[in-house]
Amino acid sequence: MADYAPITLRIVDEAGKEIFRQDVPFEWEIDVKQIMERAFVLTKTPANPDPLPYSVEYYGYSESDQFPGYLGYEVESIFGKVNNNRFFWALSINGVLSTEGADSMQPAPGSTVVWQFTPIPAGPVTSRAGVVRSRRAERAKLKA
């Protein structure tokens, strides 16, 4: 089997500072959620048992007229920075914002996957993002 260029995972904070970077070997059909899991395993050491603290949440399916279909997994927090009413973790691959969940995006060999803690835009958002945000708000109410 031929060697393929690894996928680079980058985590960037709200100031644009890179706070984590790891190359992950390319595998066919690997998705972004799996890339994060592999990056965690590759960087874990006895001295640093939790090198990439993050949480994901499953949003299942949407029956909304705006965006019916599979929503999948979304990153909720990385390094203690939690999605809120001002910032969210935006996923991009090779500089293009994702319109899918972390378990749906399958980067090509040599891709760069970036999670950036990004200000929520004041203007309209994509239908999918709107559905996910409304579900987050509903869950936050239930937890309160």
Foldseek 3Di string as FASTA:
>chain_A
DDFFAWEKEWEAEAVRDTPDIDTDGADPLDFQVNSLVRRQVVPADPVRNGPKDWDKDAPAFDPDPQDGGHQGIATQDIPPDGDDQFWGWWKDKQPHTDPHHRNPHRDDGPIYIYTYTYTDDPDDDHPSVVVVVVVVVVVVVVVD
